[in-house]
Amino acid sequence: QAGGSLRLSCAASGRTFSSYAMGWFRQAPGKERE
């Protein structure tokens, strides 16, 4: 519900994970990835 909270997680494979910058994006129906 509006005003609530969620925590998203992203699990990555590989030993090289630490060398990557990480980002979150979102895409709503009919819209460009943001």
ModelCIF file with pLDDT and N, C-alpha, C, O atoms, coordinates in Angstrom:
data_MODEL
#
_entry.id   MODEL 
#
_entity.id                         1 
_entity.type                       polymer 
_entity.pdbx_number_of_molecules   1 
#
_entity_poly.entity_id                      1 
_entity_poly.type                           'polypeptide(L)' 
_entity_poly.nstd_linkage                   no 
_entity_poly.nstd_monomer                   no 
_entity_poly.pdbx_seq_one_letter_code       QAGGSLRLSCAASGRTFSSYAMGWFRQAPGKERE 
_entity_poly.pdbx_seq_one_letter_code_can   QAGGSLRLSCAASGRTFSSYAMGWFRQAPGKERE 
_entity_poly.pdbx_strand_id                 A 
#
loop_
_entity_poly_seq.entity_id 
_entity_poly_seq.num 
_entity_poly_seq.mon_id 
_entity_poly_seq.hetero 
1 1  GLN n 
1 2  ALA n 
1 3  GLY n 
1 4  GLY n 
1 5  SER n 
1 6  LEU n 
1 7  ARG n 
1 8  LEU n 
1 9  SER n 
1 10 CYS n 
1 11 ALA n 
1 12 ALA n 
1 13 SER n 
1 14 GLY n 
1 15 ARG n 
1 16 THR n 
1 17 PHE n 
1 18 SER n 
1 19 SER n 
1 20 TYR n 
1 21 ALA n 
1 22 MET n 
1 23 GLY n 
1 24 TRP n 
1 25 PHE n 
1 26 ARG n 
1 27 GLN n 
1 28 ALA n 
1 29 PRO n 
1 30 GLY n 
1 31 LYS n 
1 32 GLU n 
1 33 ARG n 
1 34 GLU n 
#
_struct_asym.id          A 
_struct_asym.entity_id   1 
#
loop_
_ma_qa_metric.id 
_ma_qa_metric.mode 
_ma_qa_metric.name 
_ma_qa_metric.software_group_id 
_ma_qa_metric.type 
1 global pLDDT . pLDDT 
2 local  pLDDT . pLDDT 
#
_ma_qa_metric_global.metric_id      1 
_ma_qa_metric_global.metric_value   91.03 
_ma_qa_metric_global.model_id       1 
_ma_qa_metric_global.ordinal_id     1 
#
loop_
_ma_qa_metric_local.label_asym_id 
_ma_qa_metric_local.label_comp_id 
_ma_qa_metric_local.label_seq_id 
_ma_qa_metric_local.metric_id 
_ma_qa_metric_local.metric_value 
_ma_qa_metric_local.model_id 
_ma_qa_metric_local.ordinal_id 
A GLN 1  2 98.00 1 1  
A ALA 2  2 98.00 1 2  
A GLY 3  2 98.00 1 3  
A GLY 4  2 98.00 1 4  
A SER 5  2 98.00 1 5  
A LEU 6  2 98.00 1 6  
A ARG 7  2 98.00 1 7  
A LEU 8  2 98.00 1 8  
A SER 9  2 98.00 1 9  
A CYS 10 2 96.00 1 10 
A ALA 11 2 95.00 1 11 
A ALA 12 2 91.00 1 12 
A SER 13 2 89.00 1 13 
A GLY 14 2 76.00 1 14 
A ARG 15 2 63.00 1 15 
A THR 16 2 69.00 1 16 
A PHE 17 2 68.00 1 17 
A SER 18 2 71.00 1 18 
A SER 19 2 81.00 1 19 
A TYR 20 2 86.00 1 20 
A ALA 21 2 92.00 1 21 
A MET 22 2 94.00 1 22 
A GLY 23 2 96.00 1 23 
A TRP 24 2 97.00 1 24 
A PHE 25 2 97.00 1 25 
A ARG 26 2 97.00 1 26 
A GLN 27 2 97.00 1 27 
A ALA 28 2 96.00 1 28 
A PRO 29 2 91.00 1 29 
A GLY 30 2 93.00 1 30 
A LYS 31 2 95.00 1 31 
A GLU 32 2 94.00 1 32 
A ARG 33 2 94.00 1 33 
A GLU 34 2 95.00 1 34 
#
loop_
_atom_site.group_PDB 
_atom_site.id 
_atom_site.type_symbol 
_atom_site.label_atom_id 
_atom_site.label_alt_id 
_atom_site.label_comp_id 
_atom_site.label_asym_id 
_atom_site.label_entity_id 
_atom_site.label_seq_id 
_atom_site.pdbx_PDB_ins_code 
_atom_site.Cartn_x 
_atom_site.Cartn_y 
_atom_site.Cartn_z 
_atom_site.occupancy 
_atom_site.B_iso_or_equiv 
_atom_site.pdbx_formal_charge 
_atom_site.auth_seq_id 
_atom_site.auth_comp_id 
_atom_site.auth_asym_id 
_atom_site.auth_atom_id 
_atom_site.pdbx_PDB_model_num 
ATOM 1   N N  . GLN A 1 1  ? 0.829  -1.201  0.000   1.00 98.00 ? 1  GLN A N  1 
ATOM 2   C CA . GLN A 1 1  ? 0.000  0.000   0.000   1.00 98.00 ? 1  GLN A CA 1 
ATOM 3   C C  . GLN A 1 1  ? 0.864  1.251   0.000   1.00 98.00 ? 1  GLN A C  1 
ATOM 4   O O  . GLN A 1 1  ? 2.014  1.221   0.437   1.00 98.00 ? 1  GLN A O  1 
ATOM 5   N N  . ALA A 1 2  ? 0.308  2.342   -0.489  1.00 98.00 ? 2  ALA A N  1 
ATOM 6   C CA . ALA A 1 2  ? 1.024  3.608   -0.498  1.00 98.00 ? 2  ALA A CA 1 
ATOM 7   C C  . ALA A 1 2  ? 1.506  3.954   0.906   1.00 98.00 ? 2  ALA A C  1 
ATOM 8   O O  . ALA A 1 2  ? 0.774  3.802   1.885   1.00 98.00 ? 2  ALA A O  1 
ATOM 9   N N  . GLY A 1 3  ? 2.747  4.419   0.985   1.00 98.00 ? 3  GLY A N  1 
ATOM 10  C CA . GLY A 1 3  ? 3.350  4.737   2.265   1.00 98.00 ? 3  GLY A CA 1 
ATOM 11  C C  . GLY A 1 3  ? 4.109  3.588   2.891   1.00 98.00 ? 3  GLY A C  1 
ATOM 12  O O  . GLY A 1 3  ? 4.814  3.769   3.884   1.00 98.00 ? 3  GLY A O  1 
ATOM 13  N N  . GLY A 1 4  ? 3.969  2.415   2.320   1.00 98.00 ? 4  GLY A N  1 
ATOM 14  C CA . GLY A 1 4  ? 4.644  1.239   2.842   1.00 98.00 ? 4  GLY A CA 1 
ATOM 15  C C  . GLY A 1 4  ? 6.061  1.107   2.336   1.00 98.00 ? 4  GLY A C  1 
ATOM 16  O O  . GLY A 1 4  ? 6.580  1.987   1.649   1.00 98.00 ? 4  GLY A O  1 
ATOM 17  N N  . SER A 1 5  ? 6.681  -0.012  2.688   1.00 98.00 ? 5  SER A N  1 
ATOM 18  C CA . SER A 1 5  ? 8.078  -0.250  2.349   1.00 98.00 ? 5  SER A CA 1 
ATOM 19  C C  . SER A 1 5  ? 8.282  -1.628  1.751   1.00 98.00 ? 5  SER A C  1 
ATOM 20  O O  . SER A 1 5  ? 7.538  -2.564  2.043   1.00 98.00 ? 5  SER A O  1 
ATOM 21  N N  . LEU A 1 6  ? 9.289  -1.739  0.918   1.00 98.00 ? 6  LEU A N  1 
ATOM 22  C CA . LEU A 1 6  ? 9.749  -3.003  0.377   1.00 98.00 ? 6  LEU A CA 1 
ATOM 23  C C  . LEU A 1 6  ? 11.264 -2.962  0.277   1.00 98.00 ? 6  LEU A C  1 
ATOM 24  O O  . LEU A 1 6  ? 11.849 -1.894  0.098   1.00 98.00 ? 6  LEU A O  1 
ATOM 25  N N  . ARG A 1 7  ? 11.895 -4.113  0.391   1.00 98.00 ? 7  ARG A N  1 
ATOM 26  C CA . ARG A 1 7  ? 13.317 -4.223  0.134   1.00 98.00 ? 7  ARG A CA 1 
ATOM 27  C C  . ARG A 1 7  ? 13.541 -5.190  -1.008  1.00 98.00 ? 7  ARG A C  1 
ATOM 28  O O  . ARG A 1 7  ? 13.196 -6.369  -0.917  1.00 98.00 ? 7  ARG A O  1 
ATOM 29  N N  . LEU A 1 8  ? 14.117 -4.687  -2.076  1.00 98.00 ? 8  LEU A N  1 
ATOM 30  C CA . LEU A 1 8  ? 14.466 -5.523  -3.212  1.00 98.00 ? 8  LEU A CA 1 
ATOM 31  C C  . LEU A 1 8  ? 15.883 -6.041  -3.052  1.00 98.00 ? 8  LEU A C  1 
ATOM 32  O O  . LEU A 1 8  ? 16.757 -5.344  -2.537  1.00 98.00 ? 8  LEU A O  1 
ATOM 33  N N  . SER A 1 9  ? 16.102 -7.262  -3.494  1.00 98.00 ? 9  SER A N  1 
ATOM 34  C CA . SER A 1 9  ? 17.421 -7.862  -3.455  1.00 98.00 ? 9  SER A CA 1 
ATOM 35  C C  . SER A 1 9  ? 17.822 -8.295  -4.851  1.00 98.00 ? 9  SER A C  1 
ATOM 36  O O  . SER A 1 9  ? 16.975 -8.650  -5.672  1.00 98.00 ? 9  SER A O  1 
ATOM 37  N N  . CYS A 1 10 ? 19.102 -8.263  -5.110  1.00 96.00 ? 10 CYS A N  1 
ATOM 38  C CA . CYS A 1 10 ? 19.645 -8.736  -6.375  1.00 96.00 ? 10 CYS A CA 1 
ATOM 39  C C  . CYS A 1 10 ? 20.838 -9.619  -6.072  1.00 96.00 ? 10 CYS A C  1 
ATOM 40  O O  . CYS A 1 10 ? 21.833 -9.163  -5.509  1.00 96.00 ? 10 CYS A O  1 
ATOM 41  N N  . ALA A 1 11 ? 20.736 -10.879 -6.446  1.00 95.00 ? 11 ALA A N  1 
ATOM 42  C CA . ALA A 1 11 ? 21.814 -11.831 -6.244  1.00 95.00 ? 11 ALA A CA 1 
ATOM 43  C C  . ALA A 1 11 ? 22.622 -11.951 -7.526  1.00 95.00 ? 11 ALA A C  1 
ATOM 44  O O  . ALA A 1 11 ? 22.067 -12.175 -8.602  1.00 95.00 ? 11 ALA A O  1 
ATOM 45  N N  . ALA A 1 12 ? 23.928 -11.803 -7.406  1.00 91.00 ? 12 ALA A N  1 
ATOM 46  C CA . ALA A 1 12 ? 24.818 -11.858 -8.554  1.00 91.00 ? 12 ALA A CA 1 
ATOM 47  C C  . ALA A 1 12 ? 25.713 -13.078 -8.478  1.00 91.00 ? 12 ALA A C  1 
ATOM 48  O O  . ALA A 1 12 ? 26.148 -13.482 -7.399  1.00 91.00 ? 12 ALA A O  1 
ATOM 49  N N  . SER A 1 13 ? 25.981 -13.654 -9.627  1.00 89.00 ? 13 SER A N  1 
ATOM 50  C CA . SER A 1 13 ? 26.890 -14.786 -9.701  1.00 89.00 ? 13 SER A CA 1 
ATOM 51  C C  . SER A 1 13 ? 28.304 -14.316 -10.009 1.00 89.00 ? 13 SER A C  1 
ATOM 52  O O  . SER A 1 13 ? 28.506 -13.207 -10.503 1.00 89.00 ? 13 SER A O  1 
ATOM 53  N N  . GLY A 1 14 ? 29.272 -15.162 -9.714  1.00 76.00 ? 14 GLY A N  1 
ATOM 54  C CA . GLY A 1 14 ? 30.640 -14.899 -10.108 1.00 76.00 ? 14 GLY A CA 1 
ATOM 55  C C  . GLY A 1 14 ? 31.478 -14.194 -9.064  1.00 76.00 ? 14 GLY A C  1 
ATOM 56  O O  . GLY A 1 14 ? 30.976 -13.426 -8.244  1.00 76.00 ? 14 GLY A O  1 
ATOM 57  N N  . ARG A 1 15 ? 32.760 -14.473 -9.117  1.00 63.00 ? 15 ARG A N  1 
ATOM 58  C CA . ARG A 1 15 ? 33.712 -13.875 -8.189  1.00 63.00 ? 15 ARG A CA 1 
ATOM 59  C C  . ARG A 1 15 ? 34.020 -12.422 -8.515  1.00 63.00 ? 15 ARG A C  1 
ATOM 60  O O  . ARG A 1 15 ? 34.577 -11.707 -7.681  1.00 63.00 ? 15 ARG A O  1 
ATOM 61  N N  . THR A 1 16 ? 33.666 -11.974 -9.717  1.00 69.00 ? 16 THR A N  1 
ATOM 62  C CA . THR A 1 16 ? 33.995 -10.628 -10.155 1.00 69.00 ? 16 THR A CA 1 
ATOM 63  C C  . THR A 1 16 ? 32.940 -9.596  -9.793  1.00 69.00 ? 16 THR A C  1 
ATOM 64  O O  . THR A 1 16 ? 33.034 -8.446  -10.221 1.00 69.00 ? 16 THR A O  1 
ATOM 65  N N  . PHE A 1 17 ? 31.935 -9.986  -9.010  1.00 68.00 ? 17 PHE A N  1 
ATOM 66  C CA . PHE A 1 17 ? 30.864 -9.078  -8.638  1.00 68.00 ? 17 PHE A CA 1 
ATOM 67  C C  . PHE A 1 17 ? 31.386 -7.770  -8.068  1.00 68.00 ? 17 PHE A C  1 
ATOM 68  O O  . PHE A 1 17 ? 30.866 -6.702  -8.389  1.00 68.00 ? 17 PHE A O  1 
ATOM 69  N N  . SER A 1 18 ? 32.408 -7.844  -7.225  1.00 71.00 ? 18 SER A N  1 
ATOM 70  C CA . SER A 1 18 ? 32.903 -6.659  -6.541  1.00 71.00 ? 18 SER A CA 1 
ATOM 71  C C  . SER A 1 18 ? 33.509 -5.627  -7.481  1.00 71.00 ? 18 SER A C  1 
ATOM 72  O O  . SER A 1 18 ? 33.698 -4.476  -7.087  1.00 71.00 ? 18 SER A O  1 
ATOM 73  N N  . SER A 1 19 ? 33.814 -6.012  -8.706  1.00 81.00 ? 19 SER A N  1 
ATOM 74  C CA . SER A 1 19 ? 34.405 -5.085  -9.660  1.00 81.00 ? 19 SER A CA 1 
ATOM 75  C C  . SER A 1 19 ? 33.360 -4.282  -10.440 1.00 81.00 ? 19 SER A C  1 
ATOM 76  O O  . SER A 1 19 ? 33.714 -3.408  -11.232 1.00 81.00 ? 19 SER A O  1 
ATOM 77  N N  . TYR A 1 20 ? 32.093 -4.573  -10.220 1.00 86.00 ? 20 TYR A N  1 
ATOM 78  C CA . TYR A 1 20 ? 31.010 -3.920  -10.953 1.00 86.00 ? 20 TYR A CA 1 
ATOM 79  C C  . TYR A 1 20 ? 30.344 -2.835  -10.127 1.00 86.00 ? 20 TYR A C  1 
ATOM 80  O O  . TYR A 1 20 ? 30.091 -3.003  -8.934  1.00 86.00 ? 20 TYR A O  1 
ATOM 81  N N  . ALA A 1 21 ? 30.067 -1.721  -10.784 1.00 92.00 ? 21 ALA A N  1 
ATOM 82  C CA . ALA A 1 21 ? 29.086 -0.799  -10.236 1.00 92.00 ? 21 ALA A CA 1 
ATOM 83  C C  . ALA A 1 21 ? 27.716 -1.432  -10.434 1.00 92.00 ? 21 ALA A C  1 
ATOM 84  O O  . ALA A 1 21 ? 27.500 -2.155  -11.407 1.00 92.00 ? 21 ALA A O  1 
ATOM 85  N N  . MET A 1 22 ? 26.799 -1.168  -9.528  1.00 94.00 ? 22 MET A N  1 
ATOM 86  C CA . MET A 1 22 ? 25.474 -1.767  -9.599  1.00 94.00 ? 22 MET A CA 1 
ATOM 87  C C  . MET A 1 22 ? 24.407 -0.683  -9.623  1.00 94.00 ? 22 MET A C  1 
ATOM 88  O O  . MET A 1 22 ? 24.510 0.334   -8.937  1.00 94.00 ? 22 MET A O  1 
ATOM 89  N N  . GLY A 1 23 ? 23.397 -0.925  -10.418 1.00 96.00 ? 23 GLY A N  1 
ATOM 90  C CA . GLY A 1 23 ? 22.317 0.033   -10.519 1.00 96.00 ? 23 GLY A CA 1 
ATOM 91  C C  . GLY A 1 23 ? 20.953 -0.628  -10.444 1.00 96.00 ? 23 GLY A C  1 
ATOM 92  O O  . GLY A 1 23 ? 20.806 -1.821  -10.710 1.00 96.00 ? 23 GLY A O  1 
ATOM 93  N N  . TRP A 1 24 ? 19.970 0.161   -10.080 1.00 97.00 ? 24 TRP A N  1 
ATOM 94  C CA . TRP A 1 24 ? 18.577 -0.248  -10.142 1.00 97.00 ? 24 TRP A CA 1 
ATOM 95  C C  . TRP A 1 24 ? 17.851 0.648   -11.136 1.00 97.00 ? 24 TRP A C  1 
ATOM 96  O O  . TRP A 1 24 ? 18.024 1.866   -11.141 1.00 97.00 ? 24 TRP A O  1 
ATOM 97  N N  . PHE A 1 25 ? 17.044 0.027   -11.967 1.00 97.00 ? 25 PHE A N  1 
ATOM 98  C CA . PHE A 1 25 ? 16.209 0.727   -12.932 1.00 97.00 ? 25 PHE A CA 1 
ATOM 99  C C  . PHE A 1 25 ? 14.782 0.230   -12.787 1.00 97.00 ? 25 PHE A C  1 
ATOM 100 O O  . PHE A 1 25 ? 14.537 -0.808  -12.171 1.00 97.00 ? 25 PHE A O  1 
ATOM 101 N N  . ARG A 1 26 ? 13.853 0.962   -13.348 1.00 97.00 ? 26 ARG A N  1 
ATOM 102 C CA . ARG A 1 26 ? 12.472 0.507   -13.334 1.00 97.00 ? 26 ARG A CA 1 
ATOM 103 C C  . ARG A 1 26 ? 11.800 0.866   -14.646 1.00 97.00 ? 26 ARG A C  1 
ATOM 104 O O  . ARG A 1 26 ? 12.202 1.802   -15.336 1.00 97.00 ? 26 ARG A O  1 
ATOM 105 N N  . GLN A 1 27 ? 10.772 0.104   -14.975 1.00 97.00 ? 27 GLN A N  1 
ATOM 106 C CA . GLN A 1 27 ? 10.041 0.339   -16.200 1.00 97.00 ? 27 GLN A CA 1 
ATOM 107 C C  . GLN A 1 27 ? 8.557  0.090   -15.964 1.00 97.00 ? 27 GLN A C  1 
ATOM 108 O O  . GLN A 1 27 ? 8.142  -1.020  -15.632 1.00 97.00 ? 27 GLN A O  1 
ATOM 109 N N  . ALA A 1 28 ? 7.776  1.132   -16.139 1.00 96.00 ? 28 ALA A N  1 
ATOM 110 C CA . ALA A 1 28 ? 6.333  1.036   -16.031 1.00 96.00 ? 28 ALA A CA 1 
ATOM 111 C C  . ALA A 1 28 ? 5.747  0.737   -17.404 1.00 96.00 ? 28 ALA A C  1 
ATOM 112 O O  . ALA A 1 28 ? 6.387  1.024   -18.415 1.00 96.00 ? 28 ALA A O  1 
ATOM 113 N N  . PRO A 1 29 ? 4.539  0.163   -17.468 1.00 91.00 ? 29 PRO A N  1 
ATOM 114 C CA . PRO A 1 29 ? 3.920  -0.147  -18.755 1.00 91.00 ? 29 PRO A CA 1 
ATOM 115 C C  . PRO A 1 29 ? 3.856  1.069   -19.669 1.00 91.00 ? 29 PRO A C  1 
ATOM 116 O O  . PRO A 1 29 ? 3.399  2.138   -19.265 1.00 91.00 ? 29 PRO A O  1 
ATOM 117 N N  . GLY A 1 30 ? 4.317  0.897   -20.900 1.00 93.00 ? 30 GLY A N  1 
ATOM 118 C CA . GLY A 1 30 ? 4.270  1.970   -21.882 1.00 93.00 ? 30 GLY A CA 1 
ATOM 119 C C  . GLY A 1 30 ? 5.308  3.059   -21.706 1.00 93.00 ? 30 GLY A C  1 
ATOM 120 O O  . GLY A 1 30 ? 5.281  4.056   -22.427 1.00 93.00 ? 30 GLY A O  1 
ATOM 121 N N  . LYS A 1 31 ? 6.224  2.892   -20.763 1.00 95.00 ? 31 LYS A N  1 
ATOM 122 C CA . LYS A 1 31 ? 7.236  3.902   -20.505 1.00 95.00 ? 31 LYS A CA 1 
ATOM 123 C C  . LYS A 1 31 ? 8.633  3.357   -20.741 1.00 95.00 ? 31 LYS A C  1 
ATOM 124 O O  . LYS A 1 31 ? 8.848  2.145   -20.743 1.00 95.00 ? 31 LYS A O  1 
ATOM 125 N N  . GLU A 1 32 ? 9.575  4.259   -20.938 1.00 94.00 ? 32 GLU A N  1 
ATOM 126 C CA . GLU A 1 32 ? 10.968 3.891   -21.121 1.00 94.00 ? 32 GLU A CA 1 
ATOM 127 C C  . GLU A 1 32 ? 11.580 3.478   -19.794 1.00 94.00 ? 32 GLU A C  1 
ATOM 128 O O  . GLU A 1 32 ? 11.134 3.908   -18.730 1.00 94.00 ? 32 GLU A O  1 
ATOM 129 N N  . ARG A 1 33 ? 12.594 2.649   -19.867 1.00 94.00 ? 33 ARG A N  1 
ATOM 130 C CA . ARG A 1 33 ? 13.306 2.248   -18.662 1.00 94.00 ? 33 ARG A CA 1 
ATOM 131 C C  . ARG A 1 33 ? 13.917 3.478   -17.994 1.00 94.00 ? 33 ARG A C  1 
ATOM 132 O O  . ARG A 1 33 ? 14.518 4.324   -18.657 1.00 94.00 ? 33 ARG A O  1 
ATOM 133 N N  . GLU A 1 34 ? 13.757 3.563   -16.685 1.00 95.00 ? 34 GLU A N  1 
ATOM 134 C CA . GLU A 1 34 ? 14.122 4.744   -15.921 1.00 95.00 ? 34 GLU A CA 1 
ATOM 135 C C  . GLU A 1 34 ? 15.168 4.416   -14.865 1.00 95.00 ? 34 GLU A C  1 
ATOM 136 O O  . GLU A 1 34 ? 15.594 5.300   -14.123 1.00 95.00 ? 34 GLU A O  1 
#
